[in-house]
Amino acid sequence: MTGRYARNPDFVFRRIADELILVPVRSTSPGPGSVYTLNEVGAAIWDLLNGENTVEDIRDRIVERFEVTPDRAGEDVRVFVSQLASVRAILPVEA
C-alpha cells in the first residue's frame, strides 16, 4: 500500500488520555454505533494522515518517534492504513 491518504470528514475524533477515539458520523460510514479506539502509535499515524504524507513518509516518522525497525514499522503502517481504508476512515488522495 503506497500513496497518500487523508482523514475522512465523515469521522470525528477525540483524544482521551493516550487514546484517540474515531466515530463515523454519517450513514455512508460503516455501521452506526461503530467506534474505533486507537493506541498511541495508531493516533500518531492518524495525525500524519493529512493528505500530504505518503505511507513511506509516515513509516519514517514512526521509526523516528518509536523504537521500531523500518521493516516492522513499514509493515505495521501498511496494515493499519489498509484497515482504516477498509472502514472508510481515510480516503486516497489523487496525485
C-alpha atoms as a PDB file:
ATOM      1  CA  MET A   1       0.000   0.000   0.000  1.00  0.00           C
ATOM      2  CA  THR A   2       1.513   3.288  -1.105  1.00  0.00           C
ATOM      3  CA  GLY A   3       0.312   6.756  -1.937  1.00  0.00           C
ATOM      4  CA  ARG A   4      -1.295   9.464   0.108  1.00  0.00           C
ATOM      5  CA  TYR A   5      -4.399   9.276   2.279  1.00  0.00           C
ATOM      6  CA  ALA A   6      -6.467  11.861   4.108  1.00  0.00           C
ATOM      7  CA  ARG A   7      -8.823  11.535   7.040  1.00  0.00           C
ATOM      8  CA  ASN A   8     -12.457  11.168   6.015  1.00  0.00           C
ATOM      9  CA  PRO A   9     -14.520  14.170   7.201  1.00  0.00           C
ATOM     10  CA  ASP A  10     -17.355  11.703   7.910  1.00  0.00           C
ATOM     11  CA  PHE A  11     -15.402  10.646  11.020  1.00  0.00           C
ATOM     12  CA  VAL A  12     -14.989  12.694  14.171  1.00  0.00           C
ATOM     13  CA  PHE A  13     -12.129  12.061  16.545  1.00  0.00           C
ATOM     14  CA  ARG A  14     -11.383  12.929  20.131  1.00  0.00           C
ATOM     15  CA  ARG A  15      -8.262  12.404  22.160  1.00  0.00           C
ATOM     16  CA  ILE A  16      -8.912  10.914  25.603  1.00  0.00           C
ATOM     17  CA  ALA A  17      -5.788  10.311  27.695  1.00  0.00           C
ATOM     18  CA  ASP A  18      -3.420   8.283  25.491  1.00  0.00           C
ATOM     19  CA  GLU A  19      -6.098   7.051  23.095  1.00  0.00           C
ATOM     20  CA  LEU A  20      -7.821   8.512  20.083  1.00  0.00           C
ATOM     21  CA  ILE A  21     -11.497   7.671  19.556  1.00  0.00           C
ATOM     22  CA  LEU A  22     -12.877   7.631  15.985  1.00  0.00           C
ATOM     23  CA  VAL A  23     -16.613   7.701  15.362  1.00  0.00           C
ATOM     24  CA  PRO A  24     -18.359   7.724  11.965  1.00  0.00           C
ATOM     25  CA  VAL A  25     -20.974  10.479  11.838  1.00  0.00           C
ATOM     26  CA  ARG A  26     -22.735   9.822   8.530  1.00  0.00           C
ATOM     27  CA  SER A  27     -24.829   6.940   7.351  1.00  0.00           C
ATOM     28  CA  THR A  28     -22.404   6.295   4.453  1.00  0.00           C
ATOM     29  CA  SER A  29     -19.790   5.267   7.003  1.00  0.00           C
ATOM     30  CA  PRO A  30     -19.607   1.754   8.497  1.00  0.00           C
ATOM     31  CA  GLY A  31     -22.409   0.582  10.743  1.00  0.00           C
ATOM     32  CA  PRO A  32     -23.989   3.127  13.053  1.00  0.00           C
ATOM     33  CA  GLY A  33     -22.616   2.973  16.547  1.00  0.00           C
ATOM     34  CA  SER A  34     -19.174   1.881  15.341  1.00  0.00           C
ATOM     35  CA  VAL A  35     -16.416   3.311  17.488  1.00  0.00           C
ATOM     36  CA  TYR A  36     -12.699   2.795  16.923  1.00  0.00           C
ATOM     37  CA  THR A  37     -10.089   3.238  19.630  1.00  0.00           C
ATOM     38  CA  LEU A  38      -6.502   3.951  18.561  1.00  0.00           C
ATOM     39  CA  ASN A  39      -3.476   3.479  20.795  1.00  0.00           C
ATOM     40  CA  GLU A  40      -0.518   5.892  20.848  1.00  0.00           C
ATOM     41  CA  VAL A  41       1.027   4.546  17.630  1.00  0.00           C
ATOM     42  CA  GLY A  42      -2.335   4.439  15.853  1.00  0.00           C
ATOM     43  CA  ALA A  43      -3.043   8.020  16.937  1.00  0.00           C
ATOM     44  CA  ALA A  44       0.382   9.115  15.644  1.00  0.00           C
ATOM     45  CA  ILE A  45      -0.375   7.524  12.274  1.00  0.00           C
ATOM     46  CA  TRP A  46      -3.846   9.124  12.228  1.00  0.00           C
ATOM     47  CA  ASP A  47      -2.301  12.547  12.863  1.00  0.00           C
ATOM     48  CA  LEU A  48       0.041  12.027   9.892  1.00  0.00           C
ATOM     49  CA  LEU A  49      -2.769  11.063   7.504  1.00  0.00           C
ATOM     50  CA  ASN A  50      -3.225  14.613   6.264  1.00  0.00           C
ATOM     51  CA  GLY A  51      -3.256  14.025   2.510  1.00  0.00           C
ATOM     52  CA  GLU A  52       0.308  15.286   2.143  1.00  0.00           C
ATOM     53  CA  ASN A  53       2.374  12.492   3.733  1.00  0.00           C
ATOM     54  CA  THR A  54       2.913   9.297   1.785  1.00  0.00           C
ATOM     55  CA  VAL A  55       2.710   5.932   3.502  1.00  0.00           C
ATOM     56  CA  GLU A  56       6.515   5.845   3.315  1.00  0.00           C
ATOM     57  CA  ASP A  57       6.758   9.293   4.954  1.00  0.00           C
ATOM     58  CA  ILE A  58       4.539   8.047   7.766  1.00  0.00           C
ATOM     59  CA  ARG A  59       6.705   4.950   8.216  1.00  0.00           C
ATOM     60  CA  ASP A  60       9.801   7.137   8.524  1.00  0.00           C
ATOM     61  CA  ARG A  61       8.141   9.364  11.126  1.00  0.00           C
ATOM     62  CA  ILE A  62       7.039   6.332  13.155  1.00  0.00           C
ATOM     63  CA  VAL A  63      10.620   4.978  13.104  1.00  0.00           C
ATOM     64  CA  GLU A  64      11.873   8.359  14.379  1.00  0.00           C
ATOM     65  CA  ARG A  65       9.307   8.547  17.160  1.00  0.00           C
ATOM     66  CA  PHE A  66       9.089   4.944  18.391  1.00  0.00           C
ATOM     67  CA  GLU A  67      11.638   2.199  18.951  1.00  0.00           C
ATOM     68  CA  VAL A  68      10.884   0.091  15.874  1.00  0.00           C
ATOM     69  CA  THR A  69      12.800  -1.071  12.809  1.00  0.00           C
ATOM     70  CA  PRO A  70      11.934   0.403   9.410  1.00  0.00           C
ATOM     71  CA  ASP A  71      10.782  -3.008   8.136  1.00  0.00           C
ATOM     72  CA  ARG A  72       8.462  -3.582  11.088  1.00  0.00           C
ATOM     73  CA  ALA A  73       7.153  -0.010  11.012  1.00  0.00           C
ATOM     74  CA  GLY A  74       6.532  -0.251   7.272  1.00  0.00           C
ATOM     75  CA  GLU A  75       4.501  -3.426   7.626  1.00  0.00           C
ATOM     76  CA  ASP A  76       2.554  -2.113  10.621  1.00  0.00           C
ATOM     77  CA  VAL A  77       1.758   1.200   8.889  1.00  0.00           C
ATOM     78  CA  ARG A  78       0.629  -0.570   5.696  1.00  0.00           C
ATOM     79  CA  VAL A  79      -1.656  -2.930   7.648  1.00  0.00           C
ATOM     80  CA  PHE A  80      -3.120  -0.115   9.741  1.00  0.00           C
ATOM     81  CA  VAL A  81      -3.697   2.148   6.729  1.00  0.00           C
ATOM     82  CA  SER A  82      -5.388  -0.758   4.955  1.00  0.00           C
ATOM     83  CA  GLN A  83      -7.679  -1.302   7.958  1.00  0.00           C
ATOM     84  CA  LEU A  84      -8.582   2.397   8.121  1.00  0.00           C
ATOM     85  CA  ALA A  85      -9.274   2.425   4.373  1.00  0.00           C
ATOM     86  CA  SER A  86     -11.482  -0.670   4.677  1.00  0.00           C
ATOM     87  CA  VAL A  87     -13.845   1.155   7.052  1.00  0.00           C
ATOM     88  CA  ARG A  88     -13.557   4.364   5.002  1.00  0.00           C
ATOM     89  CA  ALA A  89     -11.971   6.312   7.870  1.00  0.00           C
ATOM     90  CA  ILE A  90      -9.377   7.508   5.336  1.00  0.00           C
ATOM     91  CA  LEU A  91      -9.626   8.201   1.633  1.00  0.00           C
ATOM     92  CA  PRO A  92      -6.958   8.039  -1.085  1.00  0.00           C
ATOM     93  CA  VAL A  93      -5.704  11.390  -2.350  1.00  0.00           C
ATOM     94  CA  GLU A  94      -5.206  11.781  -6.082  1.00  0.00           C
ATOM     95  CA  ALA A  95      -1.695  12.768  -7.177  1.00  0.00           C
END
